[in-house]
C-alpha atoms as a PDB file:
ATOM      1  CA  UNK A   1      12.590 -26.815   0.049  1.00  0.00           C
ATOM      2  CA  UNK A   2      11.335 -23.619  -1.570  1.00  0.00           C
ATOM      3  CA  UNK A   3      12.907 -20.205  -1.739  1.00  0.00           C
ATOM      4  CA  UNK A   4      13.792 -18.563   1.544  1.00  0.00           C
ATOM      5  CA  UNK A   5      11.624 -15.645   2.616  1.00  0.00           C
ATOM      6  CA  UNK A   6      12.320 -13.382   5.596  1.00  0.00           C
ATOM      7  CA  UNK A   7       9.448 -11.301   6.981  1.00  0.00           C
ATOM      8  CA  UNK A   8      10.165  -8.569   9.522  1.00  0.00           C
ATOM      9  CA  UNK A   9       7.484  -8.079  12.131  1.00  0.00           C
ATOM     10  CA  UNK A  10       6.420 -11.466  10.872  1.00  0.00           C
ATOM     11  CA  UNK A  11       4.755 -13.030  13.900  1.00  0.00           C
ATOM     12  CA  UNK A  12       1.788 -10.704  14.437  1.00  0.00           C
ATOM     13  CA  UNK A  13      -0.862  -8.844  12.458  1.00  0.00           C
ATOM     14  CA  UNK A  14      -0.219  -8.304   8.760  1.00  0.00           C
ATOM     15  CA  UNK A  15       3.235  -9.841   9.111  1.00  0.00           C
ATOM     16  CA  UNK A  16       1.836 -13.075  10.513  1.00  0.00           C
ATOM     17  CA  UNK A  17      -0.600 -13.364   7.601  1.00  0.00           C
ATOM     18  CA  UNK A  18       2.273 -12.790   5.166  1.00  0.00           C
ATOM     19  CA  UNK A  19       4.464 -15.410   6.855  1.00  0.00           C
ATOM     20  CA  UNK A  20       1.669 -17.984   6.796  1.00  0.00           C
ATOM     21  CA  UNK A  21       0.796 -17.305   3.161  1.00  0.00           C
ATOM     22  CA  UNK A  22       4.404 -17.647   2.065  1.00  0.00           C
ATOM     23  CA  UNK A  23       4.776 -20.919   3.956  1.00  0.00           C
ATOM     24  CA  UNK A  24       1.554 -22.261   2.429  1.00  0.00           C
ATOM     25  CA  UNK A  25       2.917 -21.335  -1.015  1.00  0.00           C
ATOM     26  CA  UNK A  26       6.027 -23.449  -0.421  1.00  0.00           C
ATOM     27  CA  UNK A  27       8.570 -20.912   0.797  1.00  0.00           C
ATOM     28  CA  UNK A  28      10.927 -21.581   3.688  1.00  0.00           C
ATOM     29  CA  UNK A  29       9.941 -18.734   5.998  1.00  0.00           C
ATOM     30  CA  UNK A  30      11.736 -16.914   8.789  1.00  0.00           C
ATOM     31  CA  UNK A  31       9.678 -14.469  10.859  1.00  0.00           C
ATOM     32  CA  UNK A  32      11.564 -11.700  12.617  1.00  0.00           C
ATOM     33  CA  UNK A  33      10.122 -10.007  15.696  1.00  0.00           C
ATOM     34  CA  UNK A  34      11.332  -7.310  18.062  1.00  0.00           C
ATOM     35  CA  UNK A  35       9.984  -7.878  21.541  1.00  0.00           C
ATOM     36  CA  UNK A  36       6.883  -9.947  22.246  1.00  0.00           C
ATOM     37  CA  UNK A  37       8.337 -13.350  23.093  1.00  0.00           C
ATOM     38  CA  UNK A  38       5.017 -14.879  24.135  1.00  0.00           C
ATOM     39  CA  UNK A  39       3.303 -13.948  20.866  1.00  0.00           C
ATOM     40  CA  UNK A  40       6.282 -15.089  18.801  1.00  0.00           C
ATOM     41  CA  UNK A  41       6.533 -18.458  20.533  1.00  0.00           C
ATOM     42  CA  UNK A  42       2.776 -19.013  20.209  1.00  0.00           C
ATOM     43  CA  UNK A  43       3.038 -18.186  16.499  1.00  0.00           C
ATOM     44  CA  UNK A  44       5.939 -20.623  16.103  1.00  0.00           C
ATOM     45  CA  UNK A  45       4.014 -23.387  17.892  1.00  0.00           C
ATOM     46  CA  UNK A  46       0.909 -22.750  15.790  1.00  0.00           C
ATOM     47  CA  UNK A  47       2.572 -22.528  12.383  1.00  0.00           C
ATOM     48  CA  UNK A  48       5.946 -24.250  12.614  1.00  0.00           C
ATOM     49  CA  UNK A  49       7.545 -21.096  11.202  1.00  0.00           C
ATOM     50  CA  UNK A  50      10.948 -20.266  12.670  1.00  0.00           C
ATOM     51  CA  UNK A  51      11.099 -16.990  14.610  1.00  0.00           C
ATOM     52  CA  UNK A  52      14.130 -14.771  15.154  1.00  0.00           C
ATOM     53  CA  UNK A  53      14.382 -11.847  17.561  1.00  0.00           C
ATOM     54  CA  UNK A  54      16.138  -8.566  16.777  1.00  0.00           C
ATOM     55  CA  UNK A  55      15.331  -4.891  16.259  1.00  0.00           C
ATOM     56  CA  UNK A  56      15.325  -3.714  12.652  1.00  0.00           C
ATOM     57  CA  UNK A  57      16.444  -0.309  13.968  1.00  0.00           C
ATOM     58  CA  UNK A  58      19.874  -1.801  14.796  1.00  0.00           C
ATOM     59  CA  UNK A  59      22.057  -2.433  11.733  1.00  0.00           C
ATOM     60  CA  UNK A  60      24.489  -4.802  13.462  1.00  0.00           C
ATOM     61  CA  UNK A  61      21.602  -6.810  14.937  1.00  0.00           C
ATOM     62  CA  UNK A  62      20.070  -7.105  11.471  1.00  0.00           C
ATOM     63  CA  UNK A  63      23.328  -8.300   9.936  1.00  0.00           C
ATOM     64  CA  UNK A  64      23.793 -10.904  12.671  1.00  0.00           C
ATOM     65  CA  UNK A  65      20.163 -12.002  12.541  1.00  0.00           C
ATOM     66  CA  UNK A  66      20.274 -12.448   8.785  1.00  0.00           C
ATOM     67  CA  UNK A  67      23.446 -14.532   9.113  1.00  0.00           C
ATOM     68  CA  UNK A  68      21.609 -16.810  11.539  1.00  0.00           C
ATOM     69  CA  UNK A  69      18.589 -17.136   9.233  1.00  0.00           C
ATOM     70  CA  UNK A  70      20.810 -17.955   6.265  1.00  0.00           C
ATOM     71  CA  UNK A  71      22.793 -20.500   8.282  1.00  0.00           C
ATOM     72  CA  UNK A  72      19.533 -22.211   9.248  1.00  0.00           C
ATOM     73  CA  UNK A  73      17.527 -21.954   6.031  1.00  0.00           C
ATOM     74  CA  UNK A  74      19.758 -20.754   3.194  1.00  0.00           C
ATOM     75  CA  UNK A  75      20.230 -17.447   1.363  1.00  0.00           C
ATOM     76  CA  UNK A  76      17.397 -14.944   1.711  1.00  0.00           C
ATOM     77  CA  UNK A  77      15.761 -14.582  -1.704  1.00  0.00           C
ATOM     78  CA  UNK A  78      12.556 -12.784  -0.664  1.00  0.00           C
ATOM     79  CA  UNK A  79      12.659  -9.992   1.905  1.00  0.00           C
ATOM     80  CA  UNK A  80       9.435  -8.482   3.210  1.00  0.00           C
ATOM     81  CA  UNK A  81      10.092  -5.284   5.159  1.00  0.00           C
ATOM     82  CA  UNK A  82       6.929  -5.203   7.231  1.00  0.00           C
ATOM     83  CA  UNK A  83       8.079  -4.201  10.746  1.00  0.00           C
ATOM     84  CA  UNK A  84       6.693  -0.881  11.887  1.00  0.00           C
ATOM     85  CA  UNK A  85       5.739   1.102  14.964  1.00  0.00           C
ATOM     86  CA  UNK A  86       3.645   4.168  15.765  1.00  0.00           C
ATOM     87  CA  UNK A  87       4.341   6.947  18.226  1.00  0.00           C
ATOM     88  CA  UNK A  88       1.456   9.244  17.395  1.00  0.00           C
ATOM     89  CA  UNK A  89       1.247  12.845  18.596  1.00  0.00           C
ATOM     90  CA  UNK A  90       0.256  16.189  17.156  1.00  0.00           C
ATOM     91  CA  UNK A  91       3.411  17.817  15.860  1.00  0.00           C
ATOM     92  CA  UNK A  92       3.548  20.598  18.448  1.00  0.00           C
ATOM     93  CA  UNK A  93       3.542  17.918  21.156  1.00  0.00           C
ATOM     94  CA  UNK A  94       5.778  15.378  19.378  1.00  0.00           C
ATOM     95  CA  UNK A  95       9.084  14.681  21.088  1.00  0.00           C
ATOM     96  CA  UNK A  96      12.414  14.149  19.387  1.00  0.00           C
ATOM     97  CA  UNK A  97      12.374  10.582  20.710  1.00  0.00           C
ATOM     98  CA  UNK A  98       8.953   9.877  19.172  1.00  0.00           C
ATOM     99  CA  UNK A  99      10.257  11.134  15.831  1.00  0.00           C
ATOM    100  CA  UNK A 100      13.509   9.197  16.006  1.00  0.00           C
ATOM    101  CA  UNK A 101      11.949   5.920  17.164  1.00  0.00           C
ATOM    102  CA  UNK A 102       9.556   5.818  14.220  1.00  0.00           C
ATOM    103  CA  UNK A 103      12.090   6.916  11.593  1.00  0.00           C
ATOM    104  CA  UNK A 104      14.673   4.407  12.847  1.00  0.00           C
ATOM    105  CA  UNK A 105      12.261   1.469  12.664  1.00  0.00           C
ATOM    106  CA  UNK A 106       9.956   2.341   9.766  1.00  0.00           C
ATOM    107  CA  UNK A 107      12.479   3.894   7.380  1.00  0.00           C
ATOM    108  CA  UNK A 108      16.054   3.191   8.450  1.00  0.00           C
ATOM    109  CA  UNK A 109      14.927  -0.373   9.164  1.00  0.00           C
ATOM    110  CA  UNK A 110      14.533  -0.883   5.410  1.00  0.00           C
ATOM    111  CA  UNK A 111      18.174   0.023   4.860  1.00  0.00           C
ATOM    112  CA  UNK A 112      19.305  -2.087   7.802  1.00  0.00           C
ATOM    113  CA  UNK A 113      17.515  -5.183   6.517  1.00  0.00           C
ATOM    114  CA  UNK A 114      17.996  -4.803   2.766  1.00  0.00           C
ATOM    115  CA  UNK A 115      21.659  -3.799   2.749  1.00  0.00           C
ATOM    116  CA  UNK A 116      22.983  -7.127   4.148  1.00  0.00           C
ATOM    117  CA  UNK A 117      20.970  -9.293   1.705  1.00  0.00           C
ATOM    118  CA  UNK A 118      21.535  -7.125  -1.375  1.00  0.00           C
ATOM    119  CA  UNK A 119      25.008  -8.452  -2.379  1.00  0.00           C
ATOM    120  CA  UNK A 120      23.789 -12.056  -2.311  1.00  0.00           C
ATOM    121  CA  UNK A 121      20.763 -11.190  -4.413  1.00  0.00           C
ATOM    122  CA  UNK A 122      23.024  -9.437  -6.928  1.00  0.00           C
ATOM    123  CA  UNK A 123      25.391 -12.405  -7.068  1.00  0.00           C
ATOM    124  CA  UNK A 124      22.544 -14.885  -7.584  1.00  0.00           C
ATOM    125  CA  UNK A 125      20.799 -12.591 -10.104  1.00  0.00           C
ATOM    126  CA  UNK A 126      17.513 -12.949  -8.289  1.00  0.00           C
ATOM    127  CA  UNK A 127      15.749 -11.192  -5.465  1.00  0.00           C
ATOM    128  CA  UNK A 128      12.430  -9.868  -4.285  1.00  0.00           C
ATOM    129  CA  UNK A 129      12.256  -6.933  -1.868  1.00  0.00           C
ATOM    130  CA  UNK A 130       8.721  -6.003  -0.811  1.00  0.00           C
ATOM    131  CA  UNK A 131       8.236  -2.975   1.424  1.00  0.00           C
ATOM    132  CA  UNK A 132       5.048  -2.531   3.428  1.00  0.00           C
ATOM    133  CA  UNK A 133       4.343   1.192   3.461  1.00  0.00           C
ATOM    134  CA  UNK A 134       0.936   2.747   4.279  1.00  0.00           C
ATOM    135  CA  UNK A 135      -1.889   4.808   2.856  1.00  0.00           C
ATOM    136  CA  UNK A 136      -0.753   7.462   5.335  1.00  0.00           C
ATOM    137  CA  UNK A 137       2.599   7.573   3.589  1.00  0.00           C
ATOM    138  CA  UNK A 138       0.696   8.505   0.437  1.00  0.00           C
ATOM    139  CA  UNK A 139      -1.812  11.017   1.768  1.00  0.00           C
ATOM    140  CA  UNK A 140      -0.462  12.051   5.180  1.00  0.00           C
ATOM    141  CA  UNK A 141      -2.326  11.927   8.485  1.00  0.00           C
ATOM    142  CA  UNK A 142      -2.663  14.429  11.304  1.00  0.00           C
ATOM    143  CA  UNK A 143      -0.853  13.249  14.402  1.00  0.00           C
ATOM    144  CA  UNK A 144       1.485  11.092  12.334  1.00  0.00           C
ATOM    145  CA  UNK A 145       4.120  13.434  10.927  1.00  0.00           C
ATOM    146  CA  UNK A 146       6.769  10.900  11.956  1.00  0.00           C
ATOM    147  CA  UNK A 147       4.915   7.846  10.626  1.00  0.00           C
ATOM    148  CA  UNK A 148       3.796   9.492   7.385  1.00  0.00           C
ATOM    149  CA  UNK A 149       7.309  10.797   6.722  1.00  0.00           C
ATOM    150  CA  UNK A 150       8.814   7.348   7.263  1.00  0.00           C
ATOM    151  CA  UNK A 151       6.240   5.547   5.152  1.00  0.00           C
ATOM    152  CA  UNK A 152       6.567   8.107   2.370  1.00  0.00           C
ATOM    153  CA  UNK A 153      10.329   7.610   2.565  1.00  0.00           C
ATOM    154  CA  UNK A 154       9.758   3.881   2.090  1.00  0.00           C
ATOM    155  CA  UNK A 155       8.253   4.663  -1.309  1.00  0.00           C
ATOM    156  CA  UNK A 156      11.232   6.785  -2.354  1.00  0.00           C
ATOM    157  CA  UNK A 157      13.548   3.992  -1.224  1.00  0.00           C
ATOM    158  CA  UNK A 158      11.521   1.515  -3.290  1.00  0.00           C
ATOM    159  CA  UNK A 159      11.652   3.596  -6.469  1.00  0.00           C
ATOM    160  CA  UNK A 160      15.361   4.343  -6.243  1.00  0.00           C
ATOM    161  CA  UNK A 161      16.515   0.857  -5.301  1.00  0.00           C
ATOM    162  CA  UNK A 162      14.365  -0.768  -7.966  1.00  0.00           C
ATOM    163  CA  UNK A 163      16.450   0.994 -10.606  1.00  0.00           C
ATOM    164  CA  UNK A 164      19.654  -0.415  -9.132  1.00  0.00           C
ATOM    165  CA  UNK A 165      18.332  -3.961  -8.879  1.00  0.00           C
ATOM    166  CA  UNK A 166      16.584  -4.249 -12.227  1.00  0.00           C
ATOM    167  CA  UNK A 167      19.484  -5.549 -14.312  1.00  0.00           C
ATOM    168  CA  UNK A 168      20.485  -7.943 -11.540  1.00  0.00           C
ATOM    169  CA  UNK A 169      17.119  -9.693 -11.555  1.00  0.00           C
ATOM    170  CA  UNK A 170      16.006  -8.036  -8.320  1.00  0.00           C
ATOM    171  CA  UNK A 171      12.596  -6.399  -8.084  1.00  0.00           C
ATOM    172  CA  UNK A 172      11.746  -3.866  -5.384  1.00  0.00           C
ATOM    173  CA  UNK A 173       8.106  -2.990  -4.829  1.00  0.00           C
ATOM    174  CA  UNK A 174       5.850  -1.529  -2.163  1.00  0.00           C
ATOM    175  CA  UNK A 175       2.384  -2.180  -0.804  1.00  0.00           C
ATOM    176  CA  UNK A 176       0.364   0.562   0.871  1.00  0.00           C
ATOM    177  CA  UNK A 177      -2.342  -0.959   3.067  1.00  0.00           C
ATOM    178  CA  UNK A 178      -5.250   1.109   4.260  1.00  0.00           C
ATOM    179  CA  UNK A 179      -7.093   0.265   7.474  1.00  0.00           C
ATOM    180  CA  UNK A 180      -6.612  -3.465   8.008  1.00  0.00           C
ATOM    181  CA  UNK A 181      -8.491  -5.480  10.623  1.00  0.00           C
ATOM    182  CA  UNK A 182      -5.532  -6.313  12.816  1.00  0.00           C
ATOM    183  CA  UNK A 183      -5.734  -6.611  16.585  1.00  0.00           C
ATOM    184  CA  UNK A 184      -4.468  -3.030  16.876  1.00  0.00           C
ATOM    185  CA  UNK A 185      -7.090  -1.537  14.559  1.00  0.00           C
ATOM    186  CA  UNK A 186      -9.952  -3.582  15.996  1.00  0.00           C
ATOM    187  CA  UNK A 187      -9.039  -2.211  19.431  1.00  0.00           C
ATOM    188  CA  UNK A 188     -10.042   1.279  18.285  1.00  0.00           C
ATOM    189  CA  UNK A 189     -13.151   2.609  20.012  1.00  0.00           C
ATOM    190  CA  UNK A 190     -16.173   1.236  18.148  1.00  0.00           C
ATOM    191  CA  UNK A 191     -17.753   4.674  17.823  1.00  0.00           C
ATOM    192  CA  UNK A 192     -14.573   6.089  16.254  1.00  0.00           C
ATOM    193  CA  UNK A 193     -14.291   3.087  13.955  1.00  0.00           C
ATOM    194  CA  UNK A 194     -17.897   3.262  12.774  1.00  0.00           C
ATOM    195  CA  UNK A 195     -18.306   7.026  12.551  1.00  0.00           C
ATOM    196  CA  UNK A 196     -14.883   8.279  11.488  1.00  0.00           C
ATOM    197  CA  UNK A 197     -12.928   5.488   9.843  1.00  0.00           C
ATOM    198  CA  UNK A 198     -15.318   3.201   7.969  1.00  0.00           C
ATOM    199  CA  UNK A 199     -17.125   6.105   6.224  1.00  0.00           C
ATOM    200  CA  UNK A 200     -13.781   6.994   4.582  1.00  0.00           C
ATOM    201  CA  UNK A 201     -13.558   3.543   2.956  1.00  0.00           C
ATOM    202  CA  UNK A 202     -15.752   3.166  -0.144  1.00  0.00           C
ATOM    203  CA  UNK A 203     -15.969  -0.628   0.136  1.00  0.00           C
ATOM    204  CA  UNK A 204     -17.414  -0.107   3.613  1.00  0.00           C
ATOM    205  CA  UNK A 205     -15.197  -2.437   5.628  1.00  0.00           C
ATOM    206  CA  UNK A 206     -11.725  -2.944   6.989  1.00  0.00           C
ATOM    207  CA  UNK A 207      -9.276  -4.920   4.922  1.00  0.00           C
ATOM    208  CA  UNK A 208      -8.111  -8.343   6.051  1.00  0.00           C
ATOM    209  CA  UNK A 209      -4.436  -9.168   6.686  1.00  0.00           C
ATOM    210  CA  UNK A 210      -4.742 -12.038   4.221  1.00  0.00           C
ATOM    211  CA  UNK A 211      -5.587  -9.538   1.460  1.00  0.00           C
ATOM    212  CA  UNK A 212      -2.226  -7.855   1.953  1.00  0.00           C
ATOM    213  CA  UNK A 213      -0.540 -11.259   2.090  1.00  0.00           C
ATOM    214  CA  UNK A 214      -1.951 -12.112  -1.339  1.00  0.00           C
ATOM    215  CA  UNK A 215      -0.377  -8.949  -2.752  1.00  0.00           C
ATOM    216  CA  UNK A 216       2.962 -10.055  -1.294  1.00  0.00           C
ATOM    217  CA  UNK A 217       2.630 -13.523  -2.817  1.00  0.00           C
ATOM    218  CA  UNK A 218       2.126 -12.038  -6.260  1.00  0.00           C
ATOM    219  CA  UNK A 219       5.064  -9.631  -6.012  1.00  0.00           C
ATOM    220  CA  UNK A 220       7.303 -12.428  -4.701  1.00  0.00           C
ATOM    221  CA  UNK A 221       6.466 -14.726  -7.595  1.00  0.00           C
ATOM    222  CA  UNK A 222       8.393 -15.330 -10.809  1.00  0.00           C
ATOM    223  CA  UNK A 223       5.328 -14.070 -12.667  1.00  0.00           C
ATOM    224  CA  UNK A 224       5.897 -10.574 -11.241  1.00  0.00           C
ATOM    225  CA  UNK A 225       9.401 -10.257 -12.678  1.00  0.00           C
ATOM    226  CA  UNK A 226       8.449  -7.348 -14.965  1.00  0.00           C
ATOM    227  CA  UNK A 227       7.021  -5.308 -12.090  1.00  0.00           C
ATOM    228  CA  UNK A 228       9.487  -3.197 -10.131  1.00  0.00           C
ATOM    229  CA  UNK A 229       9.474   0.234  -8.508  1.00  0.00           C
ATOM    230  CA  UNK A 230       5.707  -0.050  -8.206  1.00  0.00           C
ATOM    231  CA  UNK A 231       3.223   0.505  -5.403  1.00  0.00           C
ATOM    232  CA  UNK A 232       0.066  -1.525  -4.832  1.00  0.00           C
ATOM    233  CA  UNK A 233      -2.545   0.553  -2.992  1.00  0.00           C
ATOM    234  CA  UNK A 234      -4.706  -1.883  -1.029  1.00  0.00           C
ATOM    235  CA  UNK A 235      -7.041   0.487   0.779  1.00  0.00           C
ATOM    236  CA  UNK A 236     -10.612  -0.277  -0.304  1.00  0.00           C
ATOM    237  CA  UNK A 237     -10.781   2.869  -2.430  1.00  0.00           C
ATOM    238  CA  UNK A 238      -9.912   5.210   0.446  1.00  0.00           C
ATOM    239  CA  UNK A 239      -7.192   7.015  -1.512  1.00  0.00           C
ATOM    240  CA  UNK A 240      -6.189   7.040  -5.181  1.00  0.00           C
ATOM    241  CA  UNK A 241      -2.730   7.832  -6.522  1.00  0.00           C
END
């Protein structure tokens, strides 16, 4: 049995591709999900990957969920913080609830998930924490003040925590995907996609979830042990840092 990897939001979209890639590479994978039981059960049946339901916005639920994963599979050695939501609105129309929902899942969720596994990683002198941020956390996006703030915060979290984990053998890195061809993105009106989104991407296409998964595989590997506090921008040339 390989190292144990836990992927939040791991049964759909980018998270599903990450879970599958880790399993194919020999990891024992647990895929967390928040609400879509039908999709999660279909994913489990298709892949054989164990699924676990809780909200990353709830610290106690995260602690209990992680205990269950570790009882079933063993200590979590690779954590992929992928779960995220959007509640888009122009700022003058954004509600307090829309702000709070996104911050609690997309930013506080990183604390809620990483904090319970951190002591074990320190004790074992090994860990990989990989945070899935976004190009919009790097450049900002109108209508996403909440999302961009959270995803930018993910990068600050990554840089700070990497300095704490370095001497304990724990690396903490981030990936910033651009527009990826998930079910959600492909549901965008074709005219908007072709006339407003694709022209922004120099490579001329959407990314594939598997391309983000390959970035995760590298950062999770022993070969990436000298890389920490870093951000991989996987956006087809849309934005340079």
